[in-house]
Amino acid sequence: MASFKSWVKAYRLRTLPLALSVILTGSFLAMQDGVYNGWVIGFSLLTTLFLQVLSNLANDYGDSIKGTDNDDRVGPQRTVQSGEISRESMKKAIIVFASLSLLTGVALLYFSFGDNFKLSLLFLVLGLAAIWAAVKYTVGEKAYGYAGFGDLFVFIFFGLVGVAGSYFLNTHVVSADVFLPASAMGLFSAGVLNLNNMRDIDNDIRSGKHTLASRLGVAEAKKYHLILIFFGWILLLAWMMLQKDHPERLILLVALPLFLLDMYKVMKTKEKRDLDPFLRKLALKTLLVALLFGVSILL
């Protein structure tokens, strides 16, 4: 049997702050409008964590099947490839977390919409799409992560769906203003994926995994990374300008120098393996932005 330590390793805990960030941002924006539900926020966070772990487990399994996880891989050794967890056990774990995501998602819909069947059905479809996206990133013959669409899906689900969706689950209202911070969080999340893909670019090319980074090459992928972070902050600045009656929103700027420093370091990094620490740093800084949203709104 796989050890507890091996399963914790497979869950990739350092990715979880990113999952929490999008839900917290959408929930804080709902609080700003004075309409929120504690049960909805709680189940949103729980469902998102289950989906993130599901994605990580499916990625571990899918990359091992395709041979992308091998001895030449630069990043942390994966549990299936190393033999710590068997493929059969990983398949069972994927089913468990897909089921947990579905169950908590249904509870979320109940606390949000009650007996509103149409809205519940709409978000159930979105939830099933999120489960599909979590698994199909690397699993299956037409895994979209192997065709260079990972960045797009991360932007959609860790940005638009995550932030705007959690806002709507609380308020039942669509607000155009929400899409600015939603898009910013999606761009930061895509930045985390791009760092991962830049780190693994050589092995991905050899293994036939055609990520956007492998298509661009390291030099252009670094420029692409700057664009993601730069435009993410442009969108946040635009949101803050729209909040001109609330100067306390400017507290978000506390995080900007930290982003700028890491952007500079990424551009100066020569060894691909040295990009690995910046994944965790960007995920934590994105969580910091989400928490600053809360501070600025709760002041």
C-alpha atoms as a PDB file:
ATOM      1  CA  MET A   1       0.000   0.000   0.000  1.00  0.00           C
ATOM      2  CA  ALA A   2       1.107   3.535  -0.688  1.00  0.00           C
ATOM      3  CA  SER A   3       2.141   5.496   2.385  1.00  0.00           C
ATOM      4  CA  PHE A   4       0.310   8.541   3.709  1.00  0.00           C
ATOM      5  CA  LYS A   5       3.341  10.615   2.754  1.00  0.00           C
ATOM      6  CA  SER A   6       3.093   9.398  -0.840  1.00  0.00           C
ATOM      7  CA  TRP A   7      -0.572  10.404  -1.077  1.00  0.00           C
ATOM      8  CA  VAL A   8       0.158  13.855   0.378  1.00  0.00           C
ATOM      9  CA  LYS A   9       2.895  14.187  -2.229  1.00  0.00           C
ATOM     10  CA  ALA A  10       0.430  13.194  -4.959  1.00  0.00           C
ATOM     11  CA  TYR A  11      -2.065  15.820  -3.761  1.00  0.00           C
ATOM     12  CA  ARG A  12       0.567  18.549  -4.487  1.00  0.00           C
ATOM     13  CA  LEU A  13      -0.430  20.802  -1.617  1.00  0.00           C
ATOM     14  CA  ARG A  14       1.539  23.743  -2.999  1.00  0.00           C
ATOM     15  CA  THR A  15      -1.058  24.069  -5.789  1.00  0.00           C
ATOM     16  CA  LEU A  16      -3.976  24.450  -3.378  1.00  0.00           C
ATOM     17  CA  PRO A  17      -3.485  28.172  -2.575  1.00  0.00           C
ATOM     18  CA  LEU A  18      -4.234  28.915  -6.220  1.00  0.00           C
ATOM     19  CA  ALA A  19      -7.530  27.035  -6.009  1.00  0.00           C
ATOM     20  CA  LEU A  20      -8.501  28.885  -2.844  1.00  0.00           C
ATOM     21  CA  SER A  21      -7.601  32.269  -4.355  1.00  0.00           C
ATOM     22  CA  VAL A  22     -10.309  32.297  -7.006  1.00  0.00           C
ATOM     23  CA  ILE A  23     -13.111  31.305  -4.633  1.00  0.00           C
ATOM     24  CA  LEU A  24     -12.017  33.801  -1.990  1.00  0.00           C
ATOM     25  CA  THR A  25     -11.874  36.589  -4.577  1.00  0.00           C
ATOM     26  CA  GLY A  26     -15.393  35.879  -5.845  1.00  0.00           C
ATOM     27  CA  SER A  27     -16.703  35.514  -2.301  1.00  0.00           C
ATOM     28  CA  PHE A  28     -15.131  38.775  -1.112  1.00  0.00           C
ATOM     29  CA  LEU A  29     -16.634  40.559  -4.107  1.00  0.00           C
ATOM     30  CA  ALA A  30     -20.030  39.194  -3.074  1.00  0.00           C
ATOM     31  CA  MET A  31     -19.411  40.490   0.458  1.00  0.00           C
ATOM     32  CA  GLN A  32     -18.667  43.892  -1.047  1.00  0.00           C
ATOM     33  CA  ASP A  33     -22.184  43.904  -2.442  1.00  0.00           C
ATOM     34  CA  GLY A  34     -23.598  42.790   0.891  1.00  0.00           C
ATOM     35  CA  VAL A  35     -24.985  39.498  -0.407  1.00  0.00           C
ATOM     36  CA  TYR A  36     -23.259  36.310   0.639  1.00  0.00           C
ATOM     37  CA  ASN A  37     -23.961  32.909   2.156  1.00  0.00           C
ATOM     38  CA  GLY A  38     -21.514  31.209   4.523  1.00  0.00           C
ATOM     39  CA  TRP A  39     -22.618  27.731   3.445  1.00  0.00           C
ATOM     40  CA  VAL A  40     -22.093  28.624  -0.202  1.00  0.00           C
ATOM     41  CA  ILE A  41     -18.600  29.964   0.482  1.00  0.00           C
ATOM     42  CA  GLY A  42     -17.669  26.910   2.537  1.00  0.00           C
ATOM     43  CA  PHE A  43     -18.870  24.380  -0.026  1.00  0.00           C
ATOM     44  CA  SER A  44     -17.337  26.433  -2.861  1.00  0.00           C
ATOM     45  CA  LEU A  45     -13.939  26.222  -1.165  1.00  0.00           C
ATOM     46  CA  LEU A  46     -14.334  22.507  -0.429  1.00  0.00           C
ATOM     47  CA  THR A  47     -15.461  21.656  -3.951  1.00  0.00           C
ATOM     48  CA  THR A  48     -12.622  23.630  -5.490  1.00  0.00           C
ATOM     49  CA  LEU A  49     -10.039  21.911  -3.281  1.00  0.00           C
ATOM     50  CA  PHE A  50     -11.406  18.507  -4.304  1.00  0.00           C
ATOM     51  CA  LEU A  51     -11.276  19.532  -7.974  1.00  0.00           C
ATOM     52  CA  GLN A  52      -7.682  20.726  -7.634  1.00  0.00           C
ATOM     53  CA  VAL A  53      -6.581  17.475  -5.988  1.00  0.00           C
ATOM     54  CA  LEU A  54      -8.500  15.556  -8.658  1.00  0.00           C
ATOM     55  CA  SER A  55      -6.617  17.461 -11.351  1.00  0.00           C
ATOM     56  CA  ASN A  56      -3.283  16.744  -9.662  1.00  0.00           C
ATOM     57  CA  LEU A  57      -3.993  13.020  -9.323  1.00  0.00           C
ATOM     58  CA  ALA A  58      -5.206  12.776 -12.917  1.00  0.00           C
ATOM     59  CA  ASN A  59      -2.090  14.621 -14.077  1.00  0.00           C
ATOM     60  CA  ASP A  60       0.125  12.189 -12.150  1.00  0.00           C
ATOM     61  CA  TYR A  61      -1.705   9.240 -13.683  1.00  0.00           C
ATOM     62  CA  GLY A  62      -1.972  10.629 -17.222  1.00  0.00           C
ATOM     63  CA  ASP A  63       1.670  11.694 -17.524  1.00  0.00           C
ATOM     64  CA  SER A  64       2.827   8.304 -16.267  1.00  0.00           C
ATOM     65  CA  ILE A  65       0.694   6.507 -18.869  1.00  0.00           C
ATOM     66  CA  LYS A  66       2.074   8.674 -21.666  1.00  0.00           C
ATOM     67  CA  GLY A  67       5.664   8.408 -20.458  1.00  0.00           C
ATOM     68  CA  THR A  68       6.047  12.130 -19.841  1.00  0.00           C
ATOM     69  CA  ASP A  69       6.970  11.467 -16.220  1.00  0.00           C
ATOM     70  CA  ASN A  70      10.342   9.760 -16.578  1.00  0.00           C
ATOM     71  CA  ASP A  71      13.891   9.895 -15.276  1.00  0.00           C
ATOM     72  CA  ASP A  72      14.666  12.933 -17.465  1.00  0.00           C
ATOM     73  CA  ARG A  73      11.929  15.066 -15.925  1.00  0.00           C
ATOM     74  CA  VAL A  74      13.249  18.187 -14.176  1.00  0.00           C
ATOM     75  CA  GLY A  75      10.421  18.780 -11.696  1.00  0.00           C
ATOM     76  CA  PRO A  76       9.511  16.815  -8.563  1.00  0.00           C
ATOM     77  CA  GLN A  77       9.284  13.062  -9.081  1.00  0.00           C
ATOM     78  CA  ARG A  78       5.694  11.897  -9.458  1.00  0.00           C
ATOM     79  CA  THR A  79       4.208   9.100  -7.401  1.00  0.00           C
ATOM     80  CA  VAL A  80       2.963   6.763 -10.128  1.00  0.00           C
ATOM     81  CA  GLN A  81       6.118   7.079 -12.225  1.00  0.00           C
ATOM     82  CA  SER A  82       8.282   6.386  -9.166  1.00  0.00           C
ATOM     83  CA  GLY A  83       6.204   3.371  -8.141  1.00  0.00           C
ATOM     84  CA  GLU A  84       5.117   4.902  -4.828  1.00  0.00           C
ATOM     85  CA  ILE A  85       1.480   4.589  -5.895  1.00  0.00           C
ATOM     86  CA  SER A  86       0.220   1.977  -8.342  1.00  0.00           C
ATOM     87  CA  ARG A  87      -1.763   2.974 -11.408  1.00  0.00           C
ATOM     88  CA  GLU A  88      -4.729   0.995 -10.146  1.00  0.00           C
ATOM     89  CA  SER A  89      -4.686   2.786  -6.779  1.00  0.00           C
ATOM     90  CA  MET A  90      -4.391   6.134  -8.522  1.00  0.00           C
ATOM     91  CA  LYS A  91      -7.380   5.344 -10.755  1.00  0.00           C
ATOM     92  CA  LYS A  92      -9.430   4.570  -7.647  1.00  0.00           C
ATOM     93  CA  ALA A  93      -8.312   7.820  -6.009  1.00  0.00           C
ATOM     94  CA  ILE A  94      -9.326   9.750  -9.127  1.00  0.00           C
ATOM     95  CA  ILE A  95     -12.800   8.211  -8.933  1.00  0.00           C
ATOM     96  CA  VAL A  96     -13.020   9.045  -5.211  1.00  0.00           C
ATOM     97  CA  PHE A  97     -12.123  12.712  -5.689  1.00  0.00           C
ATOM     98  CA  ALA A  98     -14.366  13.040  -8.745  1.00  0.00           C
ATOM     99  CA  SER A  99     -17.213  11.689  -6.596  1.00  0.00           C
ATOM    100  CA  LEU A 100     -16.360  14.006  -3.689  1.00  0.00           C
ATOM    101  CA  SER A 101     -16.286  16.977  -6.081  1.00  0.00           C
ATOM    102  CA  LEU A 102     -19.702  16.012  -7.407  1.00  0.00           C
ATOM    103  CA  LEU A 103     -21.219  15.465  -3.964  1.00  0.00           C
ATOM    104  CA  THR A 104     -19.982  18.736  -2.476  1.00  0.00           C
ATOM    105  CA  GLY A 105     -20.915  20.479  -5.720  1.00  0.00           C
ATOM    106  CA  VAL A 106     -24.497  19.262  -5.425  1.00  0.00           C
ATOM    107  CA  ALA A 107     -24.596  20.431  -1.785  1.00  0.00           C
ATOM    108  CA  LEU A 108     -23.256  23.800  -2.961  1.00  0.00           C
ATOM    109  CA  LEU A 109     -26.059  24.103  -5.498  1.00  0.00           C
ATOM    110  CA  TYR A 110     -28.648  23.233  -2.847  1.00  0.00           C
ATOM    111  CA  PHE A 111     -27.455  25.953  -0.462  1.00  0.00           C
ATOM    112  CA  SER A 112     -27.162  28.465  -3.290  1.00  0.00           C
ATOM    113  CA  PHE A 113     -30.271  27.896  -5.401  1.00  0.00           C
ATOM    114  CA  GLY A 114     -32.622  25.790  -3.290  1.00  0.00           C
ATOM    115  CA  ASP A 115     -35.414  24.578  -5.557  1.00  0.00           C
ATOM    116  CA  ASN A 116     -34.430  26.754  -8.561  1.00  0.00           C
ATOM    117  CA  PHE A 117     -34.058  23.845 -10.966  1.00  0.00           C
ATOM    118  CA  LYS A 118     -32.866  25.835 -13.984  1.00  0.00           C
ATOM    119  CA  LEU A 119     -29.968  27.525 -12.230  1.00  0.00           C
ATOM    120  CA  SER A 120     -29.045  24.305 -10.437  1.00  0.00           C
ATOM    121  CA  LEU A 121     -28.975  22.444 -13.747  1.00  0.00           C
ATOM    122  CA  LEU A 122     -26.858  25.150 -15.388  1.00  0.00           C
ATOM    123  CA  PHE A 123     -24.250  25.045 -12.631  1.00  0.00           C
ATOM    124  CA  LEU A 124     -24.368  21.262 -12.477  1.00  0.00           C
ATOM    125  CA  VAL A 125     -23.320  21.241 -16.121  1.00  0.00           C
ATOM    126  CA  LEU A 126     -20.506  23.693 -15.280  1.00  0.00           C
ATOM    127  CA  GLY A 127     -19.460  21.460 -12.404  1.00  0.00           C
ATOM    128  CA  LEU A 128     -19.365  18.376 -14.602  1.00  0.00           C
ATOM    129  CA  ALA A 129     -17.351  20.379 -17.140  1.00  0.00           C
ATOM    130  CA  ALA A 130     -14.883  21.279 -14.374  1.00  0.00           C
ATOM    131  CA  ILE A 131     -14.526  17.598 -13.434  1.00  0.00           C
ATOM    132  CA  TRP A 132     -14.012  16.714 -17.100  1.00  0.00           C
ATOM    133  CA  ALA A 133     -11.403  19.466 -17.467  1.00  0.00           C
ATOM    134  CA  ALA A 134      -9.566  18.299 -14.336  1.00  0.00           C
ATOM    135  CA  VAL A 135      -9.250  14.759 -15.708  1.00  0.00           C
ATOM    136  CA  LYS A 136      -8.784  15.406 -19.425  1.00  0.00           C
ATOM    137  CA  TYR A 137      -5.791  17.710 -18.993  1.00  0.00           C
ATOM    138  CA  THR A 138      -3.474  14.713 -19.339  1.00  0.00           C
ATOM    139  CA  VAL A 139      -5.733  11.630 -19.398  1.00  0.00           C
ATOM    140  CA  GLY A 140      -6.959  10.072 -22.634  1.00  0.00           C
ATOM    141  CA  GLU A 141      -5.915  10.086 -26.254  1.00  0.00           C
ATOM    142  CA  LYS A 142      -7.064  13.670 -26.807  1.00  0.00           C
ATOM    143  CA  ALA A 143      -5.778  15.197 -23.571  1.00  0.00           C
ATOM    144  CA  TYR A 144      -5.951  18.951 -24.162  1.00  0.00           C
ATOM    145  CA  GLY A 145      -2.827  19.624 -22.084  1.00  0.00           C
ATOM    146  CA  TYR A 146      -0.811  17.760 -24.721  1.00  0.00           C
ATOM    147  CA  ALA A 147      -2.183  19.972 -27.477  1.00  0.00           C
ATOM    148  CA  GLY A 148      -1.277  23.326 -25.933  1.00  0.00           C
ATOM    149  CA  PHE A 149      -4.722  24.261 -24.580  1.00  0.00           C
ATOM    150  CA  GLY A 150      -3.877  23.997 -20.892  1.00  0.00           C
ATOM    151  CA  ASP A 151      -3.351  27.745 -20.489  1.00  0.00           C
ATOM    152  CA  LEU A 152      -6.765  28.524 -21.975  1.00  0.00           C
ATOM    153  CA  PHE A 153      -8.585  26.053 -19.744  1.00  0.00           C
ATOM    154  CA  VAL A 154      -6.746  27.312 -16.657  1.00  0.00           C
ATOM    155  CA  PHE A 155      -7.732  30.887 -17.536  1.00  0.00           C
ATOM    156  CA  ILE A 156     -11.366  29.855 -17.953  1.00  0.00           C
ATOM    157  CA  PHE A 157     -11.751  27.672 -14.857  1.00  0.00           C
ATOM    158  CA  PHE A 158      -9.311  29.429 -12.492  1.00  0.00           C
ATOM    159  CA  GLY A 159     -10.480  32.836 -13.607  1.00  0.00           C
ATOM    160  CA  LEU A 160     -13.858  33.362 -15.202  1.00  0.00           C
ATOM    161  CA  VAL A 161     -15.659  30.314 -13.823  1.00  0.00           C
ATOM    162  CA  GLY A 162     -13.952  30.312 -10.426  1.00  0.00           C
ATOM    163  CA  VAL A 163     -14.318  33.993  -9.530  1.00  0.00           C
ATOM    164  CA  ALA A 164     -17.436  35.008 -11.453  1.00  0.00           C
ATOM    165  CA  GLY A 165     -19.073  31.670 -10.662  1.00  0.00           C
ATOM    166  CA  SER A 166     -18.498  31.909  -6.910  1.00  0.00           C
ATOM    167  CA  TYR A 167     -19.749  35.514  -7.004  1.00  0.00           C
ATOM    168  CA  PHE A 168     -22.938  34.437  -8.779  1.00  0.00           C
ATOM    169  CA  LEU A 169     -23.478  31.490  -6.429  1.00  0.00           C
ATOM    170  CA  ASN A 170     -23.663  34.000  -3.578  1.00  0.00           C
ATOM    171  CA  THR A 171     -25.499  36.887  -5.238  1.00  0.00           C
ATOM    172  CA  HIS A 172     -27.448  35.326  -8.145  1.00  0.00           C
ATOM    173  CA  VAL A 173     -26.438  38.410 -10.111  1.00  0.00           C
ATOM    174  CA  VAL A 174     -24.097  38.893 -13.072  1.00  0.00           C
ATOM    175  CA  SER A 175     -21.833  41.930 -12.640  1.00  0.00           C
ATOM    176  CA  ALA A 176     -19.528  43.152 -15.396  1.00  0.00           C
ATOM    177  CA  ASP A 177     -17.094  44.557 -12.794  1.00  0.00           C
ATOM    178  CA  VAL A 178     -16.391  41.050 -11.500  1.00  0.00           C
ATOM    179  CA  PHE A 179     -14.839  39.972 -14.790  1.00  0.00           C
ATOM    180  CA  LEU A 180     -11.860  42.305 -14.337  1.00  0.00           C
ATOM    181  CA  PRO A 181     -10.532  40.601 -11.176  1.00  0.00           C
ATOM    182  CA  ALA A 182     -11.758  37.238 -12.518  1.00  0.00           C
ATOM    183  CA  SER A 183      -9.641  37.644 -15.642  1.00  0.00           C
ATOM    184  CA  ALA A 184      -6.667  38.825 -13.562  1.00  0.00           C
ATOM    185  CA  MET A 185      -6.801  35.719 -11.385  1.00  0.00           C
ATOM    186  CA  GLY A 186      -7.083  33.587 -14.518  1.00  0.00           C
ATOM    187  CA  LEU A 187      -3.970  35.208 -15.985  1.00  0.00           C
ATOM    188  CA  PHE A 188      -1.977  34.690 -12.773  1.00  0.00           C
ATOM    189  CA  SER A 189      -3.089  31.050 -12.715  1.00  0.00           C
ATOM    190  CA  ALA A 190      -2.015  30.606 -16.325  1.00  0.00           C
ATOM    191  CA  GLY A 191       1.320  32.068 -15.238  1.00  0.00           C
ATOM    192  CA  VAL A 192       1.754  29.255 -12.720  1.00  0.00           C
ATOM    193  CA  LEU A 193       1.093  26.677 -15.437  1.00  0.00           C
ATOM    194  CA  ASN A 194       3.484  28.425 -17.800  1.00  0.00           C
ATOM    195  CA  LEU A 195       6.263  28.287 -15.190  1.00  0.00           C
ATOM    196  CA  ASN A 196       5.606  24.571 -14.799  1.00  0.00           C
ATOM    197  CA  ASN A 197       5.752  24.062 -18.559  1.00  0.00           C
ATOM    198  CA  MET A 198       8.913  26.145 -18.957  1.00  0.00           C
ATOM    199  CA  ARG A 199      10.611  24.052 -16.285  1.00  0.00           C
ATOM    200  CA  ASP A 200       9.657  20.811 -18.066  1.00  0.00           C
ATOM    201  CA  ILE A 201      10.012  22.069 -21.635  1.00  0.00           C
ATOM    202  CA  ASP A 202      12.848  19.778 -22.769  1.00  0.00           C
ATOM    203  CA  ASN A 203      11.283  16.586 -21.477  1.00  0.00           C
ATOM    204  CA  ASP A 204       7.839  17.607 -22.747  1.00  0.00           C
ATOM    205  CA  ILE A 205       9.212  18.063 -26.270  1.00  0.00           C
ATOM    206  CA  ARG A 206      10.902  14.657 -26.166  1.00  0.00           C
ATOM    207  CA  SER A 207       7.702  13.073 -24.845  1.00  0.00           C
ATOM    208  CA  GLY A 208       5.419  14.677 -27.437  1.00  0.00           C
ATOM    209  CA  LYS A 209       3.665  16.957 -24.952  1.00  0.00           C
ATOM    210  CA  HIS A 210       3.058  20.126 -26.959  1.00  0.00           C
ATOM    211  CA  THR A 211       2.399  22.770 -24.326  1.00  0.00           C
ATOM    212  CA  LEU A 212       2.225  26.428 -25.261  1.00  0.00           C
ATOM    213  CA  ALA A 213       5.672  26.896 -23.695  1.00  0.00           C
ATOM    214  CA  SER A 214       7.184  24.088 -25.778  1.00  0.00           C
ATOM    215  CA  ARG A 215       5.690  25.611 -28.911  1.00  0.00           C
ATOM    216  CA  LEU A 216       7.091  29.057 -28.068  1.00  0.00           C
ATOM    217  CA  GLY A 217      10.496  28.054 -26.741  1.00  0.00           C
ATOM    218  CA  VAL A 218      11.942  29.224 -23.424  1.00  0.00           C
ATOM    219  CA  ALA A 219      12.843  32.778 -24.501  1.00  0.00           C
ATOM    220  CA  GLU A 220       9.383  33.526 -25.906  1.00  0.00           C
ATOM    221  CA  ALA A 221       7.660  31.656 -23.069  1.00  0.00           C
ATOM    222  CA  LYS A 222       9.361  34.014 -20.615  1.00  0.00           C
ATOM    223  CA  LYS A 223       8.022  36.997 -22.556  1.00  0.00           C
ATOM    224  CA  TYR A 224       4.598  35.348 -22.544  1.00  0.00           C
ATOM    225  CA  HIS A 225       4.931  34.982 -18.755  1.00  0.00           C
ATOM    226  CA  LEU A 226       5.584  38.717 -18.410  1.00  0.00           C
ATOM    227  CA  ILE A 227       2.521  39.445 -20.535  1.00  0.00           C
ATOM    228  CA  LEU A 228       0.317  37.243 -18.333  1.00  0.00           C
ATOM    229  CA  ILE A 229       1.395  38.922 -15.104  1.00  0.00           C
ATOM    230  CA  PHE A 230       1.545  42.438 -16.582  1.00  0.00           C
ATOM    231  CA  PHE A 231      -1.978  42.315 -18.039  1.00  0.00           C
ATOM    232  CA  GLY A 232      -3.275  40.676 -14.877  1.00  0.00           C
ATOM    233  CA  TRP A 233      -2.163  43.748 -12.950  1.00  0.00           C
ATOM    234  CA  ILE A 234      -3.515  46.108 -15.624  1.00  0.00           C
ATOM    235  CA  LEU A 235      -6.933  44.525 -15.085  1.00  0.00           C
ATOM    236  CA  LEU A 236      -6.615  44.858 -11.302  1.00  0.00           C
ATOM    237  CA  LEU A 237      -5.622  48.505 -11.663  1.00  0.00           C
ATOM    238  CA  ALA A 238      -8.637  49.078 -13.914  1.00  0.00           C
ATOM    239  CA  TRP A 239     -10.879  47.502 -11.247  1.00  0.00           C
ATOM    240  CA  MET A 240      -9.357  49.716  -8.555  1.00  0.00           C
ATOM    241  CA  MET A 241      -9.966  52.807 -10.704  1.00  0.00           C
ATOM    242  CA  LEU A 242     -13.621  51.831 -11.053  1.00  0.00           C
ATOM    243  CA  GLN A 243     -13.727  51.647  -7.242  1.00  0.00           C
ATOM    244  CA  LYS A 244     -12.800  55.344  -6.958  1.00  0.00           C
ATOM    245  CA  ASP A 245     -15.217  55.826  -4.060  1.00  0.00           C
ATOM    246  CA  HIS A 246     -13.257  53.211  -2.109  1.00  0.00           C
ATOM    247  CA  PRO A 247      -9.584  54.287  -1.912  1.00  0.00           C
ATOM    248  CA  GLU A 248      -8.963  51.401   0.483  1.00  0.00           C
ATOM    249  CA  ARG A 249      -9.015  49.097  -2.572  1.00  0.00           C
ATOM    250  CA  LEU A 250      -5.539  50.455  -3.353  1.00  0.00           C
ATOM    251  CA  ILE A 251      -4.232  48.160  -0.638  1.00  0.00           C
ATOM    252  CA  LEU A 252      -3.918  45.538  -3.395  1.00  0.00           C
ATOM    253  CA  LEU A 253      -0.860  47.457  -4.600  1.00  0.00           C
ATOM    254  CA  VAL A 254       1.036  46.088  -1.588  1.00  0.00           C
ATOM    255  CA  ALA A 255       1.485  42.853  -3.550  1.00  0.00           C
ATOM    256  CA  LEU A 256       2.682  44.489  -6.794  1.00  0.00           C
ATOM    257  CA  PRO A 257       6.406  44.860  -5.878  1.00  0.00           C
ATOM    258  CA  LEU A 258       6.516  41.170  -4.951  1.00  0.00           C
ATOM    259  CA  PHE A 259       5.181  40.224  -8.384  1.00  0.00           C
ATOM    260  CA  LEU A 260       7.617  42.589 -10.111  1.00  0.00           C
ATOM    261  CA  LEU A 261      10.585  41.132  -8.219  1.00  0.00           C
ATOM    262  CA  ASP A 262       9.712  37.571  -9.207  1.00  0.00           C
ATOM    263  CA  MET A 263       9.090  38.596 -12.816  1.00  0.00           C
ATOM    264  CA  TYR A 264      12.611  40.038 -12.913  1.00  0.00           C
ATOM    265  CA  LYS A 265      14.086  36.898 -11.355  1.00  0.00           C
ATOM    266  CA  VAL A 266      12.242  34.626 -13.789  1.00  0.00           C
ATOM    267  CA  MET A 267      13.661  36.561 -16.727  1.00  0.00           C
ATOM    268  CA  LYS A 268      17.170  36.239 -15.267  1.00  0.00           C
ATOM    269  CA  THR A 269      16.896  32.525 -14.461  1.00  0.00           C
ATOM    270  CA  LYS A 270      19.013  30.449 -16.848  1.00  0.00           C
ATOM    271  CA  GLU A 271      18.605  26.890 -15.518  1.00  0.00           C
ATOM    272  CA  LYS A 272      15.107  25.569 -16.164  1.00  0.00           C
ATOM    273  CA  ARG A 273      15.063  23.571 -12.927  1.00  0.00           C
ATOM    274  CA  ASP A 274      15.584  26.844 -11.031  1.00  0.00           C
ATOM    275  CA  LEU A 275      12.157  28.007 -12.204  1.00  0.00           C
ATOM    276  CA  ASP A 276      10.467  25.463  -9.921  1.00  0.00           C
ATOM    277  CA  PRO A 277      10.363  27.616  -6.734  1.00  0.00           C
ATOM    278  CA  PHE A 278       8.573  30.370  -8.621  1.00  0.00           C
ATOM    279  CA  LEU A 279       5.499  28.138  -9.079  1.00  0.00           C
ATOM    280  CA  ARG A 280       4.843  28.086  -5.339  1.00  0.00           C
ATOM    281  CA  LYS A 281       5.752  31.756  -5.011  1.00  0.00           C
ATOM    282  CA  LEU A 282       3.289  32.866  -7.693  1.00  0.00           C
ATOM    283  CA  ALA A 283       0.539  30.666  -6.246  1.00  0.00           C
ATOM    284  CA  LEU A 284       1.090  32.183  -2.783  1.00  0.00           C
ATOM    285  CA  LYS A 285       1.266  35.723  -4.153  1.00  0.00           C
ATOM    286  CA  THR A 286      -2.020  35.127  -5.983  1.00  0.00           C
ATOM    287  CA  LEU A 287      -3.518  34.014  -2.673  1.00  0.00           C
ATOM    288  CA  LEU A 288      -2.103  37.187  -1.105  1.00  0.00           C
ATOM    289  CA  VAL A 289      -3.954  39.265  -3.713  1.00  0.00           C
ATOM    290  CA  ALA A 290      -7.168  37.400  -2.886  1.00  0.00           C
ATOM    291  CA  LEU A 291      -6.694  38.061   0.835  1.00  0.00           C
ATOM    292  CA  LEU A 292      -5.974  41.724   0.139  1.00  0.00           C
ATOM    293  CA  PHE A 293      -9.315  41.840  -1.683  1.00  0.00           C
ATOM    294  CA  GLY A 294     -10.856  40.688   1.573  1.00  0.00           C
ATOM    295  CA  VAL A 295      -8.954  43.196   3.689  1.00  0.00           C
ATOM    296  CA  SER A 296      -9.884  46.092   1.412  1.00  0.00           C
ATOM    297  CA  ILE A 297     -13.546  45.098   1.367  1.00  0.00           C
ATOM    298  CA  LEU A 298     -13.876  44.322   5.075  1.00  0.00           C
ATOM    299  CA  LEU A 299     -12.156  47.542   6.206  1.00  0.00           C
END
